[in-house]
């Protein structure tokens, strides 16, 4: 279940993504980085669910 730690670490260290550049479709990095974690976290949750013992 270590996969579930990745989003926590990726979003916990705010100085890593607390800057406006690079922009994506007019959105500063601060916003689209956090939004990119939504589908990534969903995928990681699905993988963790599939790996659990029956």
C-alpha atoms as a PDB file:
ATOM      1  CA  UNK A   1       0.000   0.000   0.000  1.00  0.00           C
ATOM      2  CA  UNK A   2       3.000   2.283  -0.401  1.00  0.00           C
ATOM      3  CA  UNK A   3       1.388   3.601  -3.562  1.00  0.00           C
ATOM      4  CA  UNK A   4      -0.976   5.662  -1.433  1.00  0.00           C
ATOM      5  CA  UNK A   5       1.939   7.549   0.112  1.00  0.00           C
ATOM      6  CA  UNK A   6       2.982   9.059  -3.230  1.00  0.00           C
ATOM      7  CA  UNK A   7       0.155  11.631  -3.496  1.00  0.00           C
ATOM      8  CA  UNK A   8       0.652  12.548   0.139  1.00  0.00           C
ATOM      9  CA  UNK A   9       4.350  13.256  -0.417  1.00  0.00           C
ATOM     10  CA  UNK A  10       3.760  14.900  -3.801  1.00  0.00           C
ATOM     11  CA  UNK A  11       1.329  17.415  -2.353  1.00  0.00           C
ATOM     12  CA  UNK A  12       2.756  17.827   1.122  1.00  0.00           C
ATOM     13  CA  UNK A  13       5.907  19.745   0.160  1.00  0.00           C
ATOM     14  CA  UNK A  14       4.304  23.006  -1.042  1.00  0.00           C
ATOM     15  CA  UNK A  15       7.550  24.919  -1.807  1.00  0.00           C
ATOM     16  CA  UNK A  16       8.165  22.398  -4.606  1.00  0.00           C
ATOM     17  CA  UNK A  17       5.177  23.620  -6.635  1.00  0.00           C
ATOM     18  CA  UNK A  18       4.574  27.105  -5.210  1.00  0.00           C
ATOM     19  CA  UNK A  19       5.514  29.132  -8.292  1.00  0.00           C
ATOM     20  CA  UNK A  20       3.588  30.436 -11.296  1.00  0.00           C
ATOM     21  CA  UNK A  21       5.674  29.015 -14.141  1.00  0.00           C
ATOM     22  CA  UNK A  22       5.385  26.929 -16.272  1.00  0.00           C
ATOM     23  CA  UNK A  23       1.829  27.677 -17.311  1.00  0.00           C
ATOM     24  CA  UNK A  24      -0.465  25.139 -18.942  1.00  0.00           C
ATOM     25  CA  UNK A  25      -3.463  26.517 -20.885  1.00  0.00           C
ATOM     26  CA  UNK A  26      -3.138  29.741 -18.920  1.00  0.00           C
ATOM     27  CA  UNK A  27      -3.145  28.031 -15.511  1.00  0.00           C
ATOM     28  CA  UNK A  28      -0.145  28.630 -13.245  1.00  0.00           C
ATOM     29  CA  UNK A  29       1.918  25.608 -12.227  1.00  0.00           C
ATOM     30  CA  UNK A  30       0.566  25.823  -8.675  1.00  0.00           C
ATOM     31  CA  UNK A  31      -2.959  24.969  -9.854  1.00  0.00           C
ATOM     32  CA  UNK A  32      -2.378  22.474 -12.642  1.00  0.00           C
ATOM     33  CA  UNK A  33       0.142  20.486 -10.586  1.00  0.00           C
ATOM     34  CA  UNK A  34      -2.472  19.903  -7.896  1.00  0.00           C
ATOM     35  CA  UNK A  35      -5.155  19.150 -10.475  1.00  0.00           C
ATOM     36  CA  UNK A  36      -2.861  16.633 -12.176  1.00  0.00           C
ATOM     37  CA  UNK A  37      -2.723  14.653  -8.935  1.00  0.00           C
ATOM     38  CA  UNK A  38      -6.481  13.960  -9.049  1.00  0.00           C
ATOM     39  CA  UNK A  39      -6.368  11.350 -11.864  1.00  0.00           C
ATOM     40  CA  UNK A  40      -2.963  10.092 -10.710  1.00  0.00           C
ATOM     41  CA  UNK A  41      -4.328   9.488  -7.207  1.00  0.00           C
ATOM     42  CA  UNK A  42      -7.379   7.745  -8.665  1.00  0.00           C
ATOM     43  CA  UNK A  43      -5.110   5.444 -10.641  1.00  0.00           C
ATOM     44  CA  UNK A  44      -2.970   4.705  -7.588  1.00  0.00           C
ATOM     45  CA  UNK A  45      -6.053   3.941  -5.506  1.00  0.00           C
ATOM     46  CA  UNK A  46      -7.269   1.541  -8.182  1.00  0.00           C
ATOM     47  CA  UNK A  47      -3.878  -0.184  -8.289  1.00  0.00           C
ATOM     48  CA  UNK A  48      -3.810  -0.492  -4.498  1.00  0.00           C
ATOM     49  CA  UNK A  49      -7.325  -1.949  -4.559  1.00  0.00           C
ATOM     50  CA  UNK A  50      -6.339  -4.508  -7.222  1.00  0.00           C
ATOM     51  CA  UNK A  51      -3.268  -5.572  -5.227  1.00  0.00           C
ATOM     52  CA  UNK A  52      -5.074  -6.196  -1.951  1.00  0.00           C
ATOM     53  CA  UNK A  53      -5.494  -9.822  -0.894  1.00  0.00           C
ATOM     54  CA  UNK A  54      -8.914 -11.307  -1.526  1.00  0.00           C
END
